[in-house]
Structure formats: structure tokens, C-alpha cells
């Protein structure tokens, strides 16, 4: 793996994203709009917004980045761009890491905008440090990015990439503990929830919501999220194909 090649791929992807104003707006604006709608729904009940806001700060960037990354990567492969890039002297990990870093940069901006809006303008109150809230939100967005890179290898069309939303993302939303505490689920569902990355993202946000202490459990959740991110990058490189057949 070469840092020079990885950064070159990163610059190329960022340049493309900056030129694609609609995709950029989707990634940066949609989570903010969704949070604003949620706040508006509960404008007479700030306690409910304070309860739901932190977990959804994990969920909205995750969903948007997963969708955009999986479709964008599939488009690059189906257009032959990945085939041309891989004909050069570069490792697959260089390519995947470059894409991951580029989208992670956008994810950073996205998460900071969402947290700034929620805390600064919408009045979201959490017990934990706001800075840590932003860190976890960024990691959740990066998690969505790397998982989108990984699953895009299994799609042949953009429509199939979108179909991974109900197949891969919605079960995580249902089992992450937002609707029913994970420990209150049937044993089989709780065990499945323990294997899903979004569960740890929501757990981390809920810990920050409820306690001002940066506990070992919180750092454990953060470590698990980072492990999922690293694993998704490696698996994305291992399953990367040159073209859609």
C-alpha cells in the first residue's frame, strides 16, 4: 500500500464530489433537515427530542453515507473507471482507502454540521461533552461510508445497491435499541443485535446522553465502531471487482 497513491485517489474523489453539487447537498443537508423535522415534531416536548436526538445523530449520517457511497462506487465500477484505475500500479487497498478517506472527509463536515445544528440551534441537551458527541457522530458517518464501499461489491446495478438499504440497514435500525432496549429483546434478537455495528453507535450516543462521564463502556463502543470501520475497508479491498459483469 502506498500513501502517495492513496492520497492521489482521495484528491480525485474529493474533486468529483465537489463538482457534484446535488450529491454534496444530499450528504451535507439531508441529515440537518431530518433533525430539524424531528425537532419541529416535538417542539412542545423537548424531553422527547433530547431522548431521540443523540441516537438519530448516529443514525441519519450512517444511512445517508451508506446509500451515497454504495451507489457512487457502483457507478464508478459500471462506467469502467475502476477498471482503468486498477490497470495502474496500485493495490486494491490503495483504491478503497482513498475512497474511504475522501468520503470520510465529507462525513466529518456532515457530522459537524448536524451536531452544530442540533446543539447550537435546536437546543439538544446531553449530559456528556459535546465534543465527544461530534466524535461519535463522525465515526458513525465513516462507518456508513466503509460499509457502503463493502456492500457495493455485491451489486451489479445502482438499483441493486439501493436494495441493500432494506436488506442491510433497516434490520440494524430495528435492532439497534432505539425502539426497544436491546436487553429486553428475545435472546436470539439480542444476540443478533450484538453483531451489528449500528447497535454500538446508538449505545455510544445514549451513554453520552445519559452520563457526563467518559466511561470505559463508552470507549468500548467507540473501539468496536473503529474495528468495524477497519474490517469494512479490508473486506472492501478483498471483494473489489474491476467491473460489473
C-alpha atoms as a PDB file:
ATOM      1  CA  UNK A   1       0.000   0.000   0.000  1.00  0.00           C
ATOM      2  CA  UNK A   2       1.333   3.468  -0.946  1.00  0.00           C
ATOM      3  CA  UNK A   3       0.384   6.646   0.915  1.00  0.00           C
ATOM      4  CA  UNK A   4       1.090   8.709  -2.225  1.00  0.00           C
ATOM      5  CA  UNK A   5      -1.287   6.660  -4.367  1.00  0.00           C
ATOM      6  CA  UNK A   6      -3.951   6.599  -1.644  1.00  0.00           C
ATOM      7  CA  UNK A   7      -3.858  10.387  -1.302  1.00  0.00           C
ATOM      8  CA  UNK A   8      -3.986  10.782  -5.095  1.00  0.00           C
ATOM      9  CA  UNK A   9      -7.175   8.690  -5.169  1.00  0.00           C
ATOM     10  CA  UNK A  10      -8.533  10.760  -2.281  1.00  0.00           C
ATOM     11  CA  UNK A  11      -7.925  14.032  -4.144  1.00  0.00           C
ATOM     12  CA  UNK A  12      -9.581  12.672  -7.286  1.00  0.00           C
ATOM     13  CA  UNK A  13     -12.723  11.541  -5.426  1.00  0.00           C
ATOM     14  CA  UNK A  14     -12.982  14.788  -3.458  1.00  0.00           C
ATOM     15  CA  UNK A  15     -12.669  16.794  -6.679  1.00  0.00           C
ATOM     16  CA  UNK A  16     -15.522  14.798  -8.211  1.00  0.00           C
ATOM     17  CA  UNK A  17     -17.696  15.213  -5.129  1.00  0.00           C
ATOM     18  CA  UNK A  18     -17.139  18.971  -5.027  1.00  0.00           C
ATOM     19  CA  UNK A  19     -18.283  19.194  -8.645  1.00  0.00           C
ATOM     20  CA  UNK A  20     -21.411  17.119  -7.967  1.00  0.00           C
ATOM     21  CA  UNK A  21     -23.444  19.713  -6.106  1.00  0.00           C
ATOM     22  CA  UNK A  22     -26.580  17.593  -5.762  1.00  0.00           C
ATOM     23  CA  UNK A  23     -24.765  14.659  -4.176  1.00  0.00           C
ATOM     24  CA  UNK A  24     -22.853  17.018  -1.913  1.00  0.00           C
ATOM     25  CA  UNK A  25     -26.088  18.663  -0.841  1.00  0.00           C
ATOM     26  CA  UNK A  26     -27.641  15.256  -0.172  1.00  0.00           C
ATOM     27  CA  UNK A  27     -24.776  14.300   2.117  1.00  0.00           C
ATOM     28  CA  UNK A  28     -24.496  17.603   3.978  1.00  0.00           C
ATOM     29  CA  UNK A  29     -28.033  18.947   4.091  1.00  0.00           C
ATOM     30  CA  UNK A  30     -30.329  15.919   4.430  1.00  0.00           C
ATOM     31  CA  UNK A  31     -29.273  14.906   7.988  1.00  0.00           C
ATOM     32  CA  UNK A  32     -29.744  18.510   9.111  1.00  0.00           C
ATOM     33  CA  UNK A  33     -33.186  18.676   7.516  1.00  0.00           C
ATOM     34  CA  UNK A  34     -34.223  15.396   9.146  1.00  0.00           C
ATOM     35  CA  UNK A  35     -33.066  16.570  12.572  1.00  0.00           C
ATOM     36  CA  UNK A  36     -34.949  19.834  12.106  1.00  0.00           C
ATOM     37  CA  UNK A  37     -38.127  17.942  11.207  1.00  0.00           C
ATOM     38  CA  UNK A  38     -37.721  15.812  14.318  1.00  0.00           C
ATOM     39  CA  UNK A  39     -37.273  18.920  16.479  1.00  0.00           C
ATOM     40  CA  UNK A  40     -40.319  20.511  14.877  1.00  0.00           C
ATOM     41  CA  UNK A  41     -42.414  17.413  15.564  1.00  0.00           C
ATOM     42  CA  UNK A  42     -41.552  17.599  19.259  1.00  0.00           C
ATOM     43  CA  UNK A  43     -41.382  21.372  19.660  1.00  0.00           C
ATOM     44  CA  UNK A  44     -43.676  21.159  22.681  1.00  0.00           C
ATOM     45  CA  UNK A  45     -41.790  18.247  24.244  1.00  0.00           C
ATOM     46  CA  UNK A  46     -38.077  18.986  24.450  1.00  0.00           C
ATOM     47  CA  UNK A  47     -37.500  15.910  26.637  1.00  0.00           C
ATOM     48  CA  UNK A  48     -38.511  13.632  23.762  1.00  0.00           C
ATOM     49  CA  UNK A  49     -36.195  15.438  21.354  1.00  0.00           C
ATOM     50  CA  UNK A  50     -33.363  15.205  23.882  1.00  0.00           C
ATOM     51  CA  UNK A  51     -34.027  11.470  24.149  1.00  0.00           C
ATOM     52  CA  UNK A  52     -34.232  10.701  20.422  1.00  0.00           C
ATOM     53  CA  UNK A  53     -31.787  13.300  19.128  1.00  0.00           C
ATOM     54  CA  UNK A  54     -28.441  11.655  20.052  1.00  0.00           C
ATOM     55  CA  UNK A  55     -29.289   8.179  18.656  1.00  0.00           C
ATOM     56  CA  UNK A  56     -30.569   9.761  15.451  1.00  0.00           C
ATOM     57  CA  UNK A  57     -27.373  11.819  15.223  1.00  0.00           C
ATOM     58  CA  UNK A  58     -25.744   8.419  14.830  1.00  0.00           C
ATOM     59  CA  UNK A  59     -28.362   7.013  12.508  1.00  0.00           C
ATOM     60  CA  UNK A  60     -29.024   9.743   9.916  1.00  0.00           C
ATOM     61  CA  UNK A  61     -25.383  10.257   8.809  1.00  0.00           C
ATOM     62  CA  UNK A  62     -24.875   6.487   8.790  1.00  0.00           C
ATOM     63  CA  UNK A  63     -27.829   5.939   6.452  1.00  0.00           C
ATOM     64  CA  UNK A  64     -27.036   8.811   4.081  1.00  0.00           C
ATOM     65  CA  UNK A  65     -23.340   7.948   3.774  1.00  0.00           C
ATOM     66  CA  UNK A  66     -24.101   4.253   3.255  1.00  0.00           C
ATOM     67  CA  UNK A  67     -26.518   4.996   0.435  1.00  0.00           C
ATOM     68  CA  UNK A  68     -24.399   7.610  -1.343  1.00  0.00           C
ATOM     69  CA  UNK A  69     -21.148   5.652  -1.056  1.00  0.00           C
ATOM     70  CA  UNK A  70     -22.573   2.341  -2.269  1.00  0.00           C
ATOM     71  CA  UNK A  71     -24.270   3.926  -5.289  1.00  0.00           C
ATOM     72  CA  UNK A  72     -21.290   6.137  -6.177  1.00  0.00           C
ATOM     73  CA  UNK A  73     -18.811   3.250  -6.005  1.00  0.00           C
ATOM     74  CA  UNK A  74     -21.068   1.036  -8.106  1.00  0.00           C
ATOM     75  CA  UNK A  75     -21.369   3.814 -10.686  1.00  0.00           C
ATOM     76  CA  UNK A  76     -17.580   4.124 -10.841  1.00  0.00           C
ATOM     77  CA  UNK A  77     -17.242   0.412 -11.489  1.00  0.00           C
ATOM     78  CA  UNK A  78     -20.033   0.136 -14.066  1.00  0.00           C
ATOM     79  CA  UNK A  79     -18.641   3.112 -16.013  1.00  0.00           C
ATOM     80  CA  UNK A  80     -15.230   1.459 -16.258  1.00  0.00           C
ATOM     81  CA  UNK A  81     -13.470   3.997 -14.058  1.00  0.00           C
ATOM     82  CA  UNK A  82     -12.359   1.415 -11.512  1.00  0.00           C
ATOM     83  CA  UNK A  83     -11.062  -0.837 -14.275  1.00  0.00           C
ATOM     84  CA  UNK A  84      -8.903   1.982 -15.642  1.00  0.00           C
ATOM     85  CA  UNK A  85      -7.640   2.879 -12.176  1.00  0.00           C
ATOM     86  CA  UNK A  86      -6.798  -0.718 -11.316  1.00  0.00           C
ATOM     87  CA  UNK A  87      -4.861  -1.098 -14.563  1.00  0.00           C
ATOM     88  CA  UNK A  88      -2.330   1.267 -12.978  1.00  0.00           C
ATOM     89  CA  UNK A  89       0.291   0.072 -10.486  1.00  0.00           C
ATOM     90  CA  UNK A  90      -1.863   0.375  -7.376  1.00  0.00           C
ATOM     91  CA  UNK A  91      -3.163  -2.069  -4.809  1.00  0.00           C
ATOM     92  CA  UNK A  92      -6.870  -2.544  -4.249  1.00  0.00           C
ATOM     93  CA  UNK A  93      -6.380  -1.360  -0.678  1.00  0.00           C
ATOM     94  CA  UNK A  94      -4.939   1.924  -2.027  1.00  0.00           C
ATOM     95  CA  UNK A  95      -8.122   2.468  -4.005  1.00  0.00           C
ATOM     96  CA  UNK A  96     -10.556   1.539  -1.241  1.00  0.00           C
ATOM     97  CA  UNK A  97      -8.631   3.522   1.369  1.00  0.00           C
ATOM     98  CA  UNK A  98      -8.563   6.557  -0.934  1.00  0.00           C
ATOM     99  CA  UNK A  99     -12.317   6.388  -1.420  1.00  0.00           C
ATOM    100  CA  UNK A 100     -12.835   5.856   2.318  1.00  0.00           C
ATOM    101  CA  UNK A 101     -10.693   8.872   3.254  1.00  0.00           C
ATOM    102  CA  UNK A 102     -12.437  11.111   0.705  1.00  0.00           C
ATOM    103  CA  UNK A 103     -15.917  10.191   1.874  1.00  0.00           C
ATOM    104  CA  UNK A 104     -14.732  10.357   5.488  1.00  0.00           C
ATOM    105  CA  UNK A 105     -13.762  13.995   4.907  1.00  0.00           C
ATOM    106  CA  UNK A 106     -17.304  14.708   3.721  1.00  0.00           C
ATOM    107  CA  UNK A 107     -18.646  12.666   6.643  1.00  0.00           C
ATOM    108  CA  UNK A 108     -16.652  14.883   9.010  1.00  0.00           C
ATOM    109  CA  UNK A 109     -18.267  18.015   7.590  1.00  0.00           C
ATOM    110  CA  UNK A 110     -21.680  16.334   7.620  1.00  0.00           C
ATOM    111  CA  UNK A 111     -21.464  15.212  11.237  1.00  0.00           C
ATOM    112  CA  UNK A 112     -20.118  18.548  12.476  1.00  0.00           C
ATOM    113  CA  UNK A 113     -22.952  20.389  10.707  1.00  0.00           C
ATOM    114  CA  UNK A 114     -25.559  18.041  12.187  1.00  0.00           C
ATOM    115  CA  UNK A 115     -24.150  18.261  15.724  1.00  0.00           C
ATOM    116  CA  UNK A 116     -23.734  22.036  15.492  1.00  0.00           C
ATOM    117  CA  UNK A 117     -27.319  22.410  14.334  1.00  0.00           C
ATOM    118  CA  UNK A 118     -28.754  20.050  16.958  1.00  0.00           C
ATOM    119  CA  UNK A 119     -26.847  21.503  19.900  1.00  0.00           C
ATOM    120  CA  UNK A 120     -26.453  25.124  18.820  1.00  0.00           C
ATOM    121  CA  UNK A 121     -29.787  25.935  17.183  1.00  0.00           C
ATOM    122  CA  UNK A 122     -32.246  23.180  18.116  1.00  0.00           C
ATOM    123  CA  UNK A 123     -31.321  23.127  21.793  1.00  0.00           C
ATOM    124  CA  UNK A 124     -30.384  19.462  22.116  1.00  0.00           C
ATOM    125  CA  UNK A 125     -29.121  18.808  25.635  1.00  0.00           C
ATOM    126  CA  UNK A 126     -26.822  15.921  26.512  1.00  0.00           C
ATOM    127  CA  UNK A 127     -25.020  15.111  29.747  1.00  0.00           C
ATOM    128  CA  UNK A 128     -21.736  14.219  28.066  1.00  0.00           C
ATOM    129  CA  UNK A 129     -19.248  16.507  26.305  1.00  0.00           C
ATOM    130  CA  UNK A 130     -20.468  17.936  23.004  1.00  0.00           C
ATOM    131  CA  UNK A 131     -17.010  17.311  21.511  1.00  0.00           C
ATOM    132  CA  UNK A 132     -17.374  13.594  22.163  1.00  0.00           C
ATOM    133  CA  UNK A 133     -20.853  13.694  20.647  1.00  0.00           C
ATOM    134  CA  UNK A 134     -19.264  15.076  17.474  1.00  0.00           C
ATOM    135  CA  UNK A 135     -16.523  12.418  17.510  1.00  0.00           C
ATOM    136  CA  UNK A 136     -19.049   9.589  17.715  1.00  0.00           C
ATOM    137  CA  UNK A 137     -21.222  11.182  15.020  1.00  0.00           C
ATOM    138  CA  UNK A 138     -18.204  11.390  12.699  1.00  0.00           C
ATOM    139  CA  UNK A 139     -17.293   7.757  13.364  1.00  0.00           C
ATOM    140  CA  UNK A 140     -20.878   6.711  12.629  1.00  0.00           C
ATOM    141  CA  UNK A 141     -20.823   8.552   9.307  1.00  0.00           C
ATOM    142  CA  UNK A 142     -17.464   6.962   8.424  1.00  0.00           C
ATOM    143  CA  UNK A 143     -18.909   3.581   9.403  1.00  0.00           C
ATOM    144  CA  UNK A 144     -21.737   4.098   6.903  1.00  0.00           C
ATOM    145  CA  UNK A 145     -19.159   5.062   4.274  1.00  0.00           C
ATOM    146  CA  UNK A 146     -16.973   1.989   4.707  1.00  0.00           C
ATOM    147  CA  UNK A 147     -19.926  -0.395   4.848  1.00  0.00           C
ATOM    148  CA  UNK A 148     -21.283   1.200   1.675  1.00  0.00           C
ATOM    149  CA  UNK A 149     -17.922   0.599  -0.022  1.00  0.00           C
ATOM    150  CA  UNK A 150     -18.017  -3.022   1.082  1.00  0.00           C
ATOM    151  CA  UNK A 151     -21.567  -3.921   0.032  1.00  0.00           C
ATOM    152  CA  UNK A 152     -21.224  -2.162  -3.343  1.00  0.00           C
ATOM    153  CA  UNK A 153     -19.068  -5.112  -4.451  1.00  0.00           C
ATOM    154  CA  UNK A 154     -22.141  -7.349  -4.350  1.00  0.00           C
ATOM    155  CA  UNK A 155     -24.363  -5.142  -6.546  1.00  0.00           C
ATOM    156  CA  UNK A 156     -24.423  -5.117 -10.338  1.00  0.00           C
ATOM    157  CA  UNK A 157     -26.686  -2.113 -10.844  1.00  0.00           C
ATOM    158  CA  UNK A 158     -27.441   1.077  -8.929  1.00  0.00           C
ATOM    159  CA  UNK A 159     -30.926  -0.263  -8.213  1.00  0.00           C
ATOM    160  CA  UNK A 160     -29.404  -3.321  -6.558  1.00  0.00           C
ATOM    161  CA  UNK A 161     -27.148  -1.047  -4.499  1.00  0.00           C
ATOM    162  CA  UNK A 162     -30.226   0.802  -3.246  1.00  0.00           C
ATOM    163  CA  UNK A 163     -31.847  -2.543  -2.377  1.00  0.00           C
ATOM    164  CA  UNK A 164     -29.184  -3.084   0.262  1.00  0.00           C
ATOM    165  CA  UNK A 165     -30.948  -0.409   2.329  1.00  0.00           C
ATOM    166  CA  UNK A 166     -33.880  -2.646   3.359  1.00  0.00           C
ATOM    167  CA  UNK A 167     -31.694  -5.758   3.401  1.00  0.00           C
ATOM    168  CA  UNK A 168     -28.727  -4.438   5.360  1.00  0.00           C
ATOM    169  CA  UNK A 169     -29.571  -1.121   7.026  1.00  0.00           C
ATOM    170  CA  UNK A 170     -33.203  -1.360   8.144  1.00  0.00           C
ATOM    171  CA  UNK A 171     -32.631  -4.509  10.273  1.00  0.00           C
ATOM    172  CA  UNK A 172     -29.879  -2.608  12.065  1.00  0.00           C
ATOM    173  CA  UNK A 173     -32.252   0.305  12.691  1.00  0.00           C
ATOM    174  CA  UNK A 174     -34.857  -2.052  14.162  1.00  0.00           C
ATOM    175  CA  UNK A 175     -32.388  -3.924  16.377  1.00  0.00           C
ATOM    176  CA  UNK A 176     -30.076  -1.088  17.490  1.00  0.00           C
ATOM    177  CA  UNK A 177     -32.008  -0.405  20.692  1.00  0.00           C
ATOM    178  CA  UNK A 178     -33.762   2.773  19.598  1.00  0.00           C
ATOM    179  CA  UNK A 179     -37.282   1.314  19.733  1.00  0.00           C
ATOM    180  CA  UNK A 180     -36.810  -1.479  22.290  1.00  0.00           C
ATOM    181  CA  UNK A 181     -33.885  -1.759  24.724  1.00  0.00           C
ATOM    182  CA  UNK A 182     -31.575  -4.458  23.465  1.00  0.00           C
ATOM    183  CA  UNK A 183     -31.611  -6.313  26.771  1.00  0.00           C
ATOM    184  CA  UNK A 184     -35.425  -6.515  26.571  1.00  0.00           C
ATOM    185  CA  UNK A 185     -35.377  -8.264  23.191  1.00  0.00           C
ATOM    186  CA  UNK A 186     -35.752 -12.023  22.761  1.00  0.00           C
ATOM    187  CA  UNK A 187     -32.424 -13.762  23.260  1.00  0.00           C
ATOM    188  CA  UNK A 188     -31.922 -14.519  19.571  1.00  0.00           C
ATOM    189  CA  UNK A 189     -32.567 -10.912  18.547  1.00  0.00           C
ATOM    190  CA  UNK A 190     -30.331  -9.582  21.313  1.00  0.00           C
ATOM    191  CA  UNK A 191     -27.523 -11.871  20.116  1.00  0.00           C
ATOM    192  CA  UNK A 192     -28.040 -10.664  16.533  1.00  0.00           C
ATOM    193  CA  UNK A 193     -28.072  -7.057  17.708  1.00  0.00           C
ATOM    194  CA  UNK A 194     -24.700  -7.601  19.370  1.00  0.00           C
ATOM    195  CA  UNK A 195     -23.237  -8.448  15.951  1.00  0.00           C
ATOM    196  CA  UNK A 196     -24.475  -5.286  14.216  1.00  0.00           C
ATOM    197  CA  UNK A 197     -22.319  -2.131  14.118  1.00  0.00           C
ATOM    198  CA  UNK A 198     -25.150   0.394  14.396  1.00  0.00           C
ATOM    199  CA  UNK A 199     -26.029  -1.044  17.822  1.00  0.00           C
ATOM    200  CA  UNK A 200     -22.731   0.185  19.236  1.00  0.00           C
ATOM    201  CA  UNK A 201     -23.124   3.579  17.572  1.00  0.00           C
ATOM    202  CA  UNK A 202     -26.509   4.071  19.232  1.00  0.00           C
ATOM    203  CA  UNK A 203     -25.174   2.715  22.540  1.00  0.00           C
ATOM    204  CA  UNK A 204     -22.377   5.297  22.493  1.00  0.00           C
ATOM    205  CA  UNK A 205     -24.791   8.140  21.799  1.00  0.00           C
ATOM    206  CA  UNK A 206     -27.151   7.001  24.551  1.00  0.00           C
ATOM    207  CA  UNK A 207     -24.281   6.844  27.048  1.00  0.00           C
ATOM    208  CA  UNK A 208     -23.338  10.425  26.171  1.00  0.00           C
ATOM    209  CA  UNK A 209     -26.972  11.426  26.510  1.00  0.00           C
ATOM    210  CA  UNK A 210     -27.308   9.962  29.993  1.00  0.00           C
ATOM    211  CA  UNK A 211     -23.928  10.477  31.664  1.00  0.00           C
ATOM    212  CA  UNK A 212     -21.229  13.128  31.761  1.00  0.00           C
ATOM    213  CA  UNK A 213     -18.550  10.504  32.435  1.00  0.00           C
ATOM    214  CA  UNK A 214     -16.453   9.144  29.590  1.00  0.00           C
ATOM    215  CA  UNK A 215     -16.815   5.607  30.877  1.00  0.00           C
ATOM    216  CA  UNK A 216     -14.938   2.502  29.802  1.00  0.00           C
ATOM    217  CA  UNK A 217     -18.190   1.238  28.269  1.00  0.00           C
ATOM    218  CA  UNK A 218     -18.311   4.312  26.025  1.00  0.00           C
ATOM    219  CA  UNK A 219     -14.723   3.829  24.916  1.00  0.00           C
ATOM    220  CA  UNK A 220     -15.527   0.168  24.338  1.00  0.00           C
ATOM    221  CA  UNK A 221     -18.348   1.154  21.972  1.00  0.00           C
ATOM    222  CA  UNK A 222     -16.012   3.546  20.157  1.00  0.00           C
ATOM    223  CA  UNK A 223     -13.381   0.820  19.821  1.00  0.00           C
ATOM    224  CA  UNK A 224     -15.934  -1.607  18.365  1.00  0.00           C
ATOM    225  CA  UNK A 225     -17.059   1.014  15.814  1.00  0.00           C
ATOM    226  CA  UNK A 226     -13.424   1.587  14.795  1.00  0.00           C
ATOM    227  CA  UNK A 227     -12.920  -2.175  14.403  1.00  0.00           C
ATOM    228  CA  UNK A 228     -15.969  -2.395  12.135  1.00  0.00           C
ATOM    229  CA  UNK A 229     -14.619   0.501  10.062  1.00  0.00           C
ATOM    230  CA  UNK A 230     -11.215  -1.159   9.647  1.00  0.00           C
ATOM    231  CA  UNK A 231     -12.781  -4.529   8.843  1.00  0.00           C
ATOM    232  CA  UNK A 232     -15.082  -2.978   6.229  1.00  0.00           C
ATOM    233  CA  UNK A 233     -12.112  -1.308   4.489  1.00  0.00           C
ATOM    234  CA  UNK A 234     -10.150  -4.577   4.379  1.00  0.00           C
ATOM    235  CA  UNK A 235     -13.163  -6.588   3.202  1.00  0.00           C
ATOM    236  CA  UNK A 236     -13.980  -3.897   0.641  1.00  0.00           C
ATOM    237  CA  UNK A 237     -10.488  -4.245  -0.815  1.00  0.00           C
ATOM    238  CA  UNK A 238     -10.691  -8.035  -0.776  1.00  0.00           C
ATOM    239  CA  UNK A 239     -14.032  -8.146  -2.603  1.00  0.00           C
ATOM    240  CA  UNK A 240     -13.395  -5.263  -5.037  1.00  0.00           C
ATOM    241  CA  UNK A 241     -14.035  -6.215  -8.638  1.00  0.00           C
ATOM    242  CA  UNK A 242     -12.730  -4.370 -11.673  1.00  0.00           C
ATOM    243  CA  UNK A 243     -16.064  -4.129 -13.455  1.00  0.00           C
ATOM    244  CA  UNK A 244     -19.715  -5.060 -13.178  1.00  0.00           C
ATOM    245  CA  UNK A 245     -20.302  -8.246 -15.170  1.00  0.00           C
END
